[in-house]
Amino acid sequence: GKQRERVALVTGGDKTNYVDSVKGRFTIS
């Protein structure tokens, strides 16, 4: 019942980005 949500990204240069709801809890690598 919910839309697809982007959770986290990591670039080729190891830059990361997170949706606010998971910041501090999730880590992408």
mmCIF file of all heavy atoms, coordinates in Angstrom:
data_MODEL
# 
_entry.id   MODEL 
# 
loop_
_atom_site.group_PDB 
_atom_site.id 
_atom_site.type_symbol 
_atom_site.label_atom_id 
_atom_site.label_alt_id 
_atom_site.label_comp_id 
_atom_site.label_asym_id 
_atom_site.label_entity_id 
_atom_site.label_seq_id 
_atom_site.pdbx_PDB_ins_code 
_atom_site.Cartn_x 
_atom_site.Cartn_y 
_atom_site.Cartn_z 
_atom_site.occupancy 
_atom_site.B_iso_or_equiv 
_atom_site.pdbx_formal_charge 
_atom_site.auth_seq_id 
_atom_site.auth_comp_id 
_atom_site.auth_asym_id 
_atom_site.auth_atom_id 
_atom_site.pdbx_PDB_model_num 
ATOM 1   N N   . GLY A 1 1  ? 0.772  -1.225 0.000  1.00 0.00 ? 1  GLY A N   1 
ATOM 2   C CA  . GLY A 1 1  ? 0.000  0.000  0.000  1.00 0.00 ? 1  GLY A CA  1 
ATOM 3   C C   . GLY A 1 1  ? 0.806  1.279  0.000  1.00 0.00 ? 1  GLY A C   1 
ATOM 4   O O   . GLY A 1 1  ? 0.224  2.361  0.103  1.00 0.00 ? 1  GLY A O   1 
ATOM 5   N N   . LYS A 1 2  ? 2.123  1.180  -0.116 1.00 0.00 ? 2  LYS A N   1 
ATOM 6   C CA  . LYS A 1 2  ? 2.967  2.360  -0.087 1.00 0.00 ? 2  LYS A CA  1 
ATOM 7   C C   . LYS A 1 2  ? 3.803  2.448  -1.355 1.00 0.00 ? 2  LYS A C   1 
ATOM 8   O O   . LYS A 1 2  ? 4.057  1.453  -2.031 1.00 0.00 ? 2  LYS A O   1 
ATOM 9   C CB  . LYS A 1 2  ? 3.876  2.345  1.140  1.00 0.00 ? 2  LYS A CB  1 
ATOM 10  C CG  . LYS A 1 2  ? 3.132  2.297  2.462  1.00 0.00 ? 2  LYS A CG  1 
ATOM 11  C CD  . LYS A 1 2  ? 4.069  2.401  3.649  1.00 0.00 ? 2  LYS A CD  1 
ATOM 12  C CE  . LYS A 1 2  ? 4.665  3.800  3.778  1.00 0.00 ? 2  LYS A CE  1 
ATOM 13  N NZ  . LYS A 1 2  ? 5.495  3.927  5.010  1.00 0.00 ? 2  LYS A NZ  1 
ATOM 14  N N   . GLN A 1 3  ? 4.251  3.655  -1.652 1.00 0.00 ? 3  GLN A N   1 
ATOM 15  C CA  . GLN A 1 3  ? 5.106  3.885  -2.807 1.00 0.00 ? 3  GLN A CA  1 
ATOM 16  C C   . GLN A 1 3  ? 6.512  3.362  -2.534 1.00 0.00 ? 3  GLN A C   1 
ATOM 17  O O   . GLN A 1 3  ? 6.955  3.289  -1.383 1.00 0.00 ? 3  GLN A O   1 
ATOM 18  C CB  . GLN A 1 3  ? 5.171  5.380  -3.131 1.00 0.00 ? 3  GLN A CB  1 
ATOM 19  C CG  . GLN A 1 3  ? 3.834  6.030  -3.435 1.00 0.00 ? 3  GLN A CG  1 
ATOM 20  C CD  . GLN A 1 3  ? 3.451  5.920  -4.878 1.00 0.00 ? 3  GLN A CD  1 
ATOM 21  O OE1 . GLN A 1 3  ? 3.631  4.873  -5.513 1.00 0.00 ? 3  GLN A OE1 1 
ATOM 22  N NE2 . GLN A 1 3  ? 2.921  6.996  -5.426 1.00 0.00 ? 3  GLN A NE2 1 
ATOM 23  N N   . ARG A 1 4  ? 7.201  3.020  -3.613 1.00 0.00 ? 4  ARG A N   1 
ATOM 24  C CA  . ARG A 1 4  ? 8.601  2.659  -3.488 1.00 0.00 ? 4  ARG A CA  1 
ATOM 25  C C   . ARG A 1 4  ? 9.383  3.841  -2.945 1.00 0.00 ? 4  ARG A C   1 
ATOM 26  O O   . ARG A 1 4  ? 9.204  4.979  -3.399 1.00 0.00 ? 4  ARG A O   1 
ATOM 27  C CB  . ARG A 1 4  ? 9.150  2.228  -4.844 1.00 0.00 ? 4  ARG A CB  1 
ATOM 28  C CG  . ARG A 1 4  ? 10.599 1.773  -4.815 1.00 0.00 ? 4  ARG A CG  1 
ATOM 29  C CD  . ARG A 1 4  ? 11.077 1.403  -6.203 1.00 0.00 ? 4  ARG A CD  1 
ATOM 30  N NE  . ARG A 1 4  ? 11.026 2.535  -7.107 1.00 0.00 ? 4  ARG A NE  1 
ATOM 31  C CZ  . ARG A 1 4  ? 11.241 2.474  -8.419 1.00 0.00 ? 4  ARG A CZ  1 
ATOM 32  N NH1 . ARG A 1 4  ? 11.516 1.307  -8.989 1.00 0.00 ? 4  ARG A NH1 1 
ATOM 33  N NH2 . ARG A 1 4  ? 11.179 3.568  -9.159 1.00 0.00 ? 4  ARG A NH2 1 
ATOM 34  N N   . GLU A 1 5  ? 10.257 3.582  -2.001 1.00 0.00 ? 5  GLU A N   1 
ATOM 35  C CA  . GLU A 1 5  ? 10.987 4.619  -1.302 1.00 0.00 ? 5  GLU A CA  1 
ATOM 36  C C   . GLU A 1 5  ? 12.481 4.375  -1.423 1.00 0.00 ? 5  GLU A C   1 
ATOM 37  O O   . GLU A 1 5  ? 12.955 3.269  -1.177 1.00 0.00 ? 5  GLU A O   1 
ATOM 38  C CB  . GLU A 1 5  ? 10.592 4.637  0.178  1.00 0.00 ? 5  GLU A CB  1 
ATOM 39  C CG  . GLU A 1 5  ? 11.352 5.636  1.031  1.00 0.00 ? 5  GLU A CG  1 
ATOM 40  C CD  . GLU A 1 5  ? 10.977 5.539  2.496  1.00 0.00 ? 5  GLU A CD  1 
ATOM 41  O OE1 . GLU A 1 5  ? 10.864 4.402  3.015  1.00 0.00 ? 5  GLU A OE1 1 
ATOM 42  O OE2 . GLU A 1 5  ? 10.783 6.601  3.122  1.00 0.00 ? 5  GLU A OE2 1 
ATOM 43  N N   . ARG A 1 6  ? 13.218 5.398  -1.778 1.00 0.00 ? 6  ARG A N   1 
ATOM 44  C CA  . ARG A 1 6  ? 14.665 5.308  -1.768 1.00 0.00 ? 6  ARG A CA  1 
ATOM 45  C C   . ARG A 1 6  ? 15.163 5.397  -0.339 1.00 0.00 ? 6  ARG A C   1 
ATOM 46  O O   . ARG A 1 6  ? 14.853 6.352  0.376  1.00 0.00 ? 6  ARG A O   1 
ATOM 47  C CB  . ARG A 1 6  ? 15.291 6.411  -2.621 1.00 0.00 ? 6  ARG A CB  1 
ATOM 48  C CG  . ARG A 1 6  ? 16.788 6.230  -2.832 1.00 0.00 ? 6  ARG A CG  1 
ATOM 49  C CD  . ARG A 1 6  ? 17.362 7.368  -3.648 1.00 0.00 ? 6  ARG A CD  1 
ATOM 50  N NE  . ARG A 1 6  ? 17.416 8.605  -2.890 1.00 0.00 ? 6  ARG A NE  1 
ATOM 51  C CZ  . ARG A 1 6  ? 17.722 9.787  -3.405 1.00 0.00 ? 6  ARG A CZ  1 
ATOM 52  N NH1 . ARG A 1 6  ? 17.975 9.894  -4.707 1.00 0.00 ? 6  ARG A NH1 1 
ATOM 53  N NH2 . ARG A 1 6  ? 17.760 10.858 -2.637 1.00 0.00 ? 6  ARG A NH2 1 
ATOM 54  N N   . VAL A 1 7  ? 15.941 4.412  0.066  1.00 0.00 ? 7  VAL A N   1 
ATOM 55  C CA  . VAL A 1 7  ? 16.437 4.339  1.430  1.00 0.00 ? 7  VAL A CA  1 
ATOM 56  C C   . VAL A 1 7  ? 17.836 4.922  1.544  1.00 0.00 ? 7  VAL A C   1 
ATOM 57  O O   . VAL A 1 7  ? 18.119 5.722  2.442  1.00 0.00 ? 7  VAL A O   1 
ATOM 58  C CB  . VAL A 1 7  ? 16.419 2.887  1.936  1.00 0.00 ? 7  VAL A CB  1 
ATOM 59  C CG1 . VAL A 1 7  ? 16.994 2.792  3.350  1.00 0.00 ? 7  VAL A CG1 1 
ATOM 60  C CG2 . VAL A 1 7  ? 14.998 2.334  1.902  1.00 0.00 ? 7  VAL A CG2 1 
ATOM 61  N N   . ALA A 1 8  ? 18.736 4.502  0.669  1.00 0.00 ? 8  ALA A N   1 
ATOM 62  C CA  . ALA A 1 8  ? 20.126 4.908  0.775  1.00 0.00 ? 8  ALA A CA  1 
ATOM 63  C C   . ALA A 1 8  ? 20.801 4.786  -0.573 1.00 0.00 ? 8  ALA A C   1 
ATOM 64  O O   . ALA A 1 8  ? 20.442 3.941  -1.391 1.00 0.00 ? 8  ALA A O   1 
ATOM 65  C CB  . ALA A 1 8  ? 20.869 4.056  1.808  1.00 0.00 ? 8  ALA A CB  1 
ATOM 66  N N   . LEU A 1 9  ? 21.803 5.631  -0.794 1.00 0.00 ? 9  LEU A N   1 
ATOM 67  C CA  . LEU A 1 9  ? 22.622 5.605  -1.998 1.00 0.00 ? 9  LEU A CA  1 
ATOM 68  C C   . LEU A 1 9  ? 24.089 5.635  -1.606 1.00 0.00 ? 9  LEU A C   1 
ATOM 69  O O   . LEU A 1 9  ? 24.457 6.231  -0.595 1.00 0.00 ? 9  LEU A O   1 
ATOM 70  C CB  . LEU A 1 9  ? 22.352 6.810  -2.895 1.00 0.00 ? 9  LEU A CB  1 
ATOM 71  C CG  . LEU A 1 9  ? 20.965 6.987  -3.503 1.00 0.00 ? 9  LEU A CG  1 
ATOM 72  C CD1 . LEU A 1 9  ? 20.896 8.329  -4.222 1.00 0.00 ? 9  LEU A CD1 1 
ATOM 73  C CD2 . LEU A 1 9  ? 20.653 5.851  -4.454 1.00 0.00 ? 9  LEU A CD2 1 
ATOM 74  N N   . VAL A 1 10 ? 24.918 5.022  -2.436 1.00 0.00 ? 10 VAL A N   1 
ATOM 75  C CA  . VAL A 1 10 ? 26.358 5.170  -2.320 1.00 0.00 ? 10 VAL A CA  1 
ATOM 76  C C   . VAL A 1 10 ? 26.925 5.327  -3.720 1.00 0.00 ? 10 VAL A C   1 
ATOM 77  O O   . VAL A 1 10 ? 26.619 4.545  -4.623 1.00 0.00 ? 10 VAL A O   1 
ATOM 78  C CB  . VAL A 1 10 ? 27.011 3.993  -1.559 1.00 0.00 ? 10 VAL A CB  1 
ATOM 79  C CG1 . VAL A 1 10 ? 26.730 2.654  -2.222 1.00 0.00 ? 10 VAL A CG1 1 
ATOM 80  C CG2 . VAL A 1 10 ? 28.510 4.227  -1.405 1.00 0.00 ? 10 VAL A CG2 1 
ATOM 81  N N   . THR A 1 11 ? 27.745 6.358  -3.918 1.00 0.00 ? 11 THR A N   1 
ATOM 82  C CA  . THR A 1 11 ? 28.324 6.615  -5.224 1.00 0.00 ? 11 THR A CA  1 
ATOM 83  C C   . THR A 1 11 ? 29.608 5.832  -5.407 1.00 0.00 ? 11 THR A C   1 
ATOM 84  O O   . THR A 1 11 ? 30.138 5.225  -4.481 1.00 0.00 ? 11 THR A O   1 
ATOM 85  C CB  . THR A 1 11 ? 28.617 8.107  -5.405 1.00 0.00 ? 11 THR A CB  1 
ATOM 86  O OG1 . THR A 1 11 ? 29.722 8.474  -4.569 1.00 0.00 ? 11 THR A OG1 1 
ATOM 87  C CG2 . THR A 1 11 ? 27.413 8.961  -5.064 1.00 0.00 ? 11 THR A CG2 1 
ATOM 88  N N   . GLY A 1 12 ? 30.135 5.882  -6.642 1.00 0.00 ? 12 GLY A N   1 
ATOM 89  C CA  . GLY A 1 12 ? 31.421 5.267  -6.897 1.00 0.00 ? 12 GLY A CA  1 
ATOM 90  C C   . GLY A 1 12 ? 32.547 5.887  -6.103 1.00 0.00 ? 12 GLY A C   1 
ATOM 91  O O   . GLY A 1 12 ? 33.567 5.235  -5.874 1.00 0.00 ? 12 GLY A O   1 
ATOM 92  N N   . GLY A 1 13 ? 32.368 7.133  -5.694 1.00 0.00 ? 13 GLY A N   1 
ATOM 93  C CA  . GLY A 1 13 ? 33.330 7.810  -4.845 1.00 0.00 ? 13 GLY A CA  1 
ATOM 94  C C   . GLY A 1 13 ? 33.058 7.657  -3.366 1.00 0.00 ? 13 GLY A C   1 
ATOM 95  O O   . GLY A 1 13 ? 33.653 8.375  -2.563 1.00 0.00 ? 13 GLY A O   1 
ATOM 96  N N   . ASP A 1 14 ? 32.146 6.759  -3.008 1.00 0.00 ? 14 ASP A N   1 
ATOM 97  C CA  . ASP A 1 14 ? 31.830 6.413  -1.621 1.00 0.00 ? 14 ASP A CA  1 
ATOM 98  C C   . ASP A 1 14 ? 31.111 7.544  -0.890 1.00 0.00 ? 14 ASP A C   1 
ATOM 99  O O   . ASP A 1 14 ? 31.164 7.627  0.339  1.00 0.00 ? 14 ASP A O   1 
ATOM 100 C CB  . ASP A 1 14 ? 33.092 6.008  -0.859 1.00 0.00 ? 14 ASP A CB  1 
ATOM 101 C CG  . ASP A 1 14 ? 32.808 5.046  0.278  1.00 0.00 ? 14 ASP A CG  1 
ATOM 102 O OD1 . ASP A 1 14 ? 31.852 4.250  0.166  1.00 0.00 ? 14 ASP A OD1 1 
ATOM 103 O OD2 . ASP A 1 14 ? 33.534 5.090  1.288  1.00 0.00 ? 14 ASP A OD2 1 
ATOM 104 N N   . LYS A 1 15 ? 30.427 8.403  -1.632 1.00 0.00 ? 15 LYS A N   1 
ATOM 105 C CA  . LYS A 1 15 ? 29.527 9.365  -1.008 1.00 0.00 ? 15 LYS A CA  1 
ATOM 106 C C   . LYS A 1 15 ? 28.199 8.684  -0.726 1.00 0.00 ? 15 LYS A C   1 
ATOM 107 O O   . LYS A 1 15 ? 27.715 7.895  -1.534 1.00 0.00 ? 15 LYS A O   1 
ATOM 108 C CB  . LYS A 1 15 ? 29.308 10.571 -1.915 1.00 0.00 ? 15 LYS A CB  1 
ATOM 109 C CG  . LYS A 1 15 ? 30.584 11.267 -2.359 1.00 0.00 ? 15 LYS A CG  1 
ATOM 110 C CD  . LYS A 1 15 ? 31.292 11.943 -1.206 1.00 0.00 ? 15 LYS A CD  1 
ATOM 111 C CE  . LYS A 1 15 ? 32.492 12.741 -1.713 1.00 0.00 ? 15 LYS A CE  1 
ATOM 112 N NZ  . LYS A 1 15 ? 33.214 13.418 -0.616 1.00 0.00 ? 15 LYS A NZ  1 
ATOM 113 N N   . THR A 1 16 ? 27.595 9.001  0.412  1.00 0.00 ? 16 THR A N   1 
ATOM 114 C CA  . THR A 1 16 ? 26.356 8.350  0.812  1.00 0.00 ? 16 THR A CA  1 
ATOM 115 C C   . THR A 1 16 ? 25.248 9.356  1.050  1.00 0.00 ? 16 THR A C   1 
ATOM 116 O O   . THR A 1 16 ? 25.490 10.535 1.329  1.00 0.00 ? 16 THR A O   1 
ATOM 117 C CB  . THR A 1 16 ? 26.556 7.509  2.078  1.00 0.00 ? 16 THR A CB  1 
ATOM 118 O OG1 . THR A 1 16 ? 26.985 8.353  3.148  1.00 0.00 ? 16 THR A OG1 1 
ATOM 119 C CG2 . THR A 1 16 ? 27.592 6.421  1.843  1.00 0.00 ? 16 THR A CG2 1 
ATOM 120 N N   . ASN A 1 17 ? 24.026 8.864  0.949  1.00 0.00 ? 17 ASN A N   1 
ATOM 121 C CA  . ASN A 1 17 ? 22.853 9.672  1.218  1.00 0.00 ? 17 ASN A CA  1 
ATOM 122 C C   . ASN A 1 17 ? 21.768 8.753  1.748  1.00 0.00 ? 17 ASN A C   1 
ATOM 123 O O   . ASN A 1 17 ? 21.664 7.600  1.316  1.00 0.00 ? 17 ASN A O   1 
ATOM 124 C CB  . ASN A 1 17 ? 22.384 10.390 -0.044 1.00 0.00 ? 17 ASN A CB  1 
ATOM 125 C CG  . ASN A 1 17 ? 21.458 11.554 0.248  1.00 0.00 ? 17 ASN A CG  1 
ATOM 126 O OD1 . ASN A 1 17 ? 21.235 11.926 1.397  1.00 0.00 ? 17 ASN A OD1 1 
ATOM 127 N ND2 . ASN A 1 17 ? 20.909 12.140 -0.812 1.00 0.00 ? 17 ASN A ND2 1 
ATOM 128 N N   . TYR A 1 18 ? 20.948 9.266  2.676  1.00 0.00 ? 18 TYR A N   1 
ATOM 129 C CA  . TYR A 1 18 ? 19.927 8.463  3.334  1.00 0.00 ? 18 TYR A CA  1 
ATOM 130 C C   . TYR A 1 18 ? 18.623 9.224  3.430  1.00 0.00 ? 18 TYR A C   1 
ATOM 131 O O   . TYR A 1 18 ? 18.606 10.451 3.585  1.00 0.00 ? 18 TYR A O   1 
ATOM 132 C CB  . TYR A 1 18 ? 20.350 8.090  4.752  1.00 0.00 ? 18 TYR A CB  1 
ATOM 133 C CG  . TYR A 1 18 ? 21.636 7.311  4.835  1.00 0.00 ? 18 TYR A CG  1 
ATOM 134 C CD1 . TYR A 1 18 ? 22.856 7.961  4.971  1.00 0.00 ? 18 TYR A CD1 1 
ATOM 135 C CD2 . TYR A 1 18 ? 21.634 5.921  4.777  1.00 0.00 ? 18 TYR A CD2 1 
ATOM 136 C CE1 . TYR A 1 18 ? 24.041 7.253  5.046  1.00 0.00 ? 18 TYR A CE1 1 
ATOM 137 C CE2 . TYR A 1 18 ? 22.814 5.204  4.853  1.00 0.00 ? 18 TYR A CE2 1 
ATOM 138 C CZ  . TYR A 1 18 ? 24.011 5.871  4.989  1.00 0.00 ? 18 TYR A CZ  1 
ATOM 139 O OH  . TYR A 1 18 ? 25.188 5.159  5.062  1.00 0.00 ? 18 TYR A OH  1 
ATOM 140 N N   . VAL A 1 19 ? 17.541 8.478  3.385  1.00 0.00 ? 19 VAL A N   1 
ATOM 141 C CA  . VAL A 1 19 ? 16.254 9.069  3.705  1.00 0.00 ? 19 VAL A CA  1 
ATOM 142 C C   . VAL A 1 19 ? 16.236 9.403  5.197  1.00 0.00 ? 19 VAL A C   1 
ATOM 143 O O   . VAL A 1 19 ? 16.862 8.714  6.015  1.00 0.00 ? 19 VAL A O   1 
ATOM 144 C CB  . VAL A 1 19 ? 15.104 8.116  3.320  1.00 0.00 ? 19 VAL A CB  1 
ATOM 145 C CG1 . VAL A 1 19 ? 15.112 6.866  4.185  1.00 0.00 ? 19 VAL A CG1 1 
ATOM 146 C CG2 . VAL A 1 19 ? 13.765 8.825  3.372  1.00 0.00 ? 19 VAL A CG2 1 
ATOM 147 N N   . ASP A 1 20 ? 15.547 10.488 5.558  1.00 0.00 ? 20 ASP A N   1 
ATOM 148 C CA  . ASP A 1 20 ? 15.598 10.969 6.928  1.00 0.00 ? 20 ASP A CA  1 
ATOM 149 C C   . ASP A 1 20 ? 15.205 9.910  7.954  1.00 0.00 ? 20 ASP A C   1 
ATOM 150 O O   . ASP A 1 20 ? 15.770 9.865  9.052  1.00 0.00 ? 20 ASP A O   1 
ATOM 151 C CB  . ASP A 1 20 ? 14.694 12.190 7.090  1.00 0.00 ? 20 ASP A CB  1 
ATOM 152 C CG  . ASP A 1 20 ? 15.269 13.447 6.472  1.00 0.00 ? 20 ASP A CG  1 
ATOM 153 O OD1 . ASP A 1 20 ? 16.471 13.475 6.155  1.00 0.00 ? 20 ASP A OD1 1 
ATOM 154 O OD2 . ASP A 1 20 ? 14.503 14.415 6.304  1.00 0.00 ? 20 ASP A OD2 1 
ATOM 155 N N   . SER A 1 21 ? 14.254 9.062  7.617  1.00 0.00 ? 21 SER A N   1 
ATOM 156 C CA  . SER A 1 21 ? 13.736 8.110  8.578  1.00 0.00 ? 21 SER A CA  1 
ATOM 157 C C   . SER A 1 21 ? 14.742 7.044  9.002  1.00 0.00 ? 21 SER A C   1 
ATOM 158 O O   . SER A 1 21 ? 14.529 6.373  10.017 1.00 0.00 ? 21 SER A O   1 
ATOM 159 C CB  . SER A 1 21 ? 12.478 7.434  8.033  1.00 0.00 ? 21 SER A CB  1 
ATOM 160 O OG  . SER A 1 21 ? 12.758 6.719  6.844  1.00 0.00 ? 21 SER A OG  1 
ATOM 161 N N   . VAL A 1 22 ? 15.829 6.866  8.256  1.00 0.00 ? 22 VAL A N   1 
ATOM 162 C CA  . VAL A 1 22 ? 16.812 5.843  8.606  1.00 0.00 ? 22 VAL A CA  1 
ATOM 163 C C   . VAL A 1 22 ? 18.152 6.429  9.012  1.00 0.00 ? 22 VAL A C   1 
ATOM 164 O O   . VAL A 1 22 ? 19.057 5.668  9.392  1.00 0.00 ? 22 VAL A O   1 
ATOM 165 C CB  . VAL A 1 22 ? 17.019 4.827  7.467  1.00 0.00 ? 22 VAL A CB  1 
ATOM 166 C CG1 . VAL A 1 22 ? 15.686 4.286  6.983  1.00 0.00 ? 22 VAL A CG1 1 
ATOM 167 C CG2 . VAL A 1 22 ? 17.814 5.432  6.312  1.00 0.00 ? 22 VAL A CG2 1 
ATOM 168 N N   . LYS A 1 23 ? 18.304 7.729  8.963  1.00 0.00 ? 23 LYS A N   1 
ATOM 169 C CA  . LYS A 1 23 ? 19.572 8.347  9.333  1.00 0.00 ? 23 LYS A CA  1 
ATOM 170 C C   . LYS A 1 23 ? 19.940 8.005  10.773 1.00 0.00 ? 23 LYS A C   1 
ATOM 171 O O   . LYS A 1 23 ? 19.114 8.082  11.674 1.00 0.00 ? 23 LYS A O   1 
ATOM 172 C CB  . LYS A 1 23 ? 19.503 9.866  9.156  1.00 0.00 ? 23 LYS A CB  1 
ATOM 173 C CG  . LYS A 1 23 ? 19.510 10.310 7.712  1.00 0.00 ? 23 LYS A CG  1 
ATOM 174 C CD  . LYS A 1 23 ? 19.449 11.826 7.593  1.00 0.00 ? 23 LYS A CD  1 
ATOM 175 C CE  . LYS A 1 23 ? 19.495 12.264 6.140  1.00 0.00 ? 23 LYS A CE  1 
ATOM 176 N NZ  . LYS A 1 23 ? 19.381 13.737 5.992  1.00 0.00 ? 23 LYS A NZ  1 
ATOM 177 N N   . GLY A 1 24 ? 21.182 7.619  10.954 1.00 0.00 ? 24 GLY A N   1 
ATOM 178 C CA  . GLY A 1 24 ? 21.652 7.211  12.266 1.00 0.00 ? 24 GLY A CA  1 
ATOM 179 C C   . GLY A 1 24 ? 21.408 5.763  12.593 1.00 0.00 ? 24 GLY A C   1 
ATOM 180 O O   . GLY A 1 24 ? 21.925 5.262  13.601 1.00 0.00 ? 24 GLY A O   1 
ATOM 181 N N   . ARG A 1 25 ? 20.627 5.075  11.766 1.00 0.00 ? 25 ARG A N   1 
ATOM 182 C CA  . ARG A 1 25 ? 20.316 3.668  12.008 1.00 0.00 ? 25 ARG A CA  1 
ATOM 183 C C   . ARG A 1 25 ? 20.848 2.751  10.917 1.00 0.00 ? 25 ARG A C   1 
ATOM 184 O O   . ARG A 1 25 ? 21.233 1.621  11.204 1.00 0.00 ? 25 ARG A O   1 
ATOM 185 C CB  . ARG A 1 25 ? 18.807 3.471  12.134 1.00 0.00 ? 25 ARG A CB  1 
ATOM 186 C CG  . ARG A 1 25 ? 18.172 4.256  13.267 1.00 0.00 ? 25 ARG A CG  1 
ATOM 187 C CD  . ARG A 1 25 ? 16.720 3.840  13.497 1.00 0.00 ? 25 ARG A CD  1 
ATOM 188 N NE  . ARG A 1 25 ? 15.876 4.105  12.337 1.00 0.00 ? 25 ARG A NE  1 
ATOM 189 C CZ  . ARG A 1 25 ? 15.222 3.176  11.649 1.00 0.00 ? 25 ARG A CZ  1 
ATOM 190 N NH1 . ARG A 1 25 ? 15.295 1.896  12.006 1.00 0.00 ? 25 ARG A NH1 1 
ATOM 191 N NH2 . ARG A 1 25 ? 14.467 3.513  10.611 1.00 0.00 ? 25 ARG A NH2 1 
ATOM 192 N N   . PHE A 1 26 ? 20.847 3.211  9.675  1.00 0.00 ? 26 PHE A N   1 
ATOM 193 C CA  . PHE A 1 26 ? 21.269 2.395  8.537  1.00 0.00 ? 26 PHE A CA  1 
ATOM 194 C C   . PHE A 1 26 ? 22.586 2.920  7.980  1.00 0.00 ? 26 PHE A C   1 
ATOM 195 O O   . PHE A 1 26 ? 22.831 4.134  7.978  1.00 0.00 ? 26 PHE A O   1 
ATOM 196 C CB  . PHE A 1 26 ? 20.235 2.432  7.416  1.00 0.00 ? 26 PHE A CB  1 
ATOM 197 C CG  . PHE A 1 26 ? 18.931 1.738  7.697  1.00 0.00 ? 26 PHE A CG  1 
ATOM 198 C CD1 . PHE A 1 26 ? 18.594 1.284  8.962  1.00 0.00 ? 26 PHE A CD1 1 
ATOM 199 C CD2 . PHE A 1 26 ? 18.023 1.539  6.665  1.00 0.00 ? 26 PHE A CD2 1 
ATOM 200 C CE1 . PHE A 1 26 ? 17.388 0.651  9.211  1.00 0.00 ? 26 PHE A CE1 1 
ATOM 201 C CE2 . PHE A 1 26 ? 16.815 0.906  6.897  1.00 0.00 ? 26 PHE A CE2 1 
ATOM 202 C CZ  . PHE A 1 26 ? 16.495 0.465  8.168  1.00 0.00 ? 26 PHE A CZ  1 
ATOM 203 N N   . THR A 1 27 ? 23.396 2.013  7.467  1.00 0.00 ? 27 THR A N   1 
ATOM 204 C CA  . THR A 1 27 ? 24.643 2.375  6.817  1.00 0.00 ? 27 THR A CA  1 
ATOM 205 C C   . THR A 1 27 ? 24.783 1.605  5.517  1.00 0.00 ? 27 THR A C   1 
ATOM 206 O O   . THR A 1 27 ? 24.706 0.375  5.510  1.00 0.00 ? 27 THR A O   1 
ATOM 207 C CB  . THR A 1 27 ? 25.854 2.076  7.711  1.00 0.00 ? 27 THR A CB  1 
ATOM 208 O OG1 . THR A 1 27 ? 25.732 2.782  8.948  1.00 0.00 ? 27 THR A OG1 1 
ATOM 209 C CG2 . THR A 1 27 ? 27.147 2.503  7.017  1.00 0.00 ? 27 THR A CG2 1 
ATOM 210 N N   . ILE A 1 28 ? 24.987 2.325  4.418  1.00 0.00 ? 28 ILE A N   1 
ATOM 211 C CA  . ILE A 1 28 ? 25.228 1.696  3.135  1.00 0.00 ? 28 ILE A CA  1 
ATOM 212 C C   . ILE A 1 28 ? 26.731 1.703  2.855  1.00 0.00 ? 28 ILE A C   1 
ATOM 213 O O   . ILE A 1 28 ? 27.427 2.669  3.168  1.00 0.00 ? 28 ILE A O   1 
ATOM 214 C CB  . ILE A 1 28 ? 24.446 2.389  2.000  1.00 0.00 ? 28 ILE A CB  1 
ATOM 215 C CG1 . ILE A 1 28 ? 24.543 1.597  0.695  1.00 0.00 ? 28 ILE A CG1 1 
ATOM 216 C CG2 . ILE A 1 28 ? 24.889 3.828  1.813  1.00 0.00 ? 28 ILE A CG2 1 
ATOM 217 C CD1 . ILE A 1 28 ? 23.598 2.093  -0.397 1.00 0.00 ? 28 ILE A CD1 1 
ATOM 218 N N   . SER A 1 29 ? 27.219 0.619  2.275  1.00 0.00 ? 29 SER A N   1 
ATOM 219 C CA  . SER A 1 29 ? 28.625 0.523  1.932  1.00 0.00 ? 29 SER A CA  1 
ATOM 220 C C   . SER A 1 29 ? 28.773 -0.389 0.722  1.00 0.00 ? 29 SER A C   1 
ATOM 221 O O   . SER A 1 29 ? 27.826 -1.075 0.325  1.00 0.00 ? 29 SER A O   1 
ATOM 222 C CB  . SER A 1 29 ? 29.455 0.008  3.107  1.00 0.00 ? 29 SER A CB  1 
ATOM 223 O OG  . SER A 1 29 ? 29.042 -1.296 3.485  1.00 0.00 ? 29 SER A OG  1 
# 
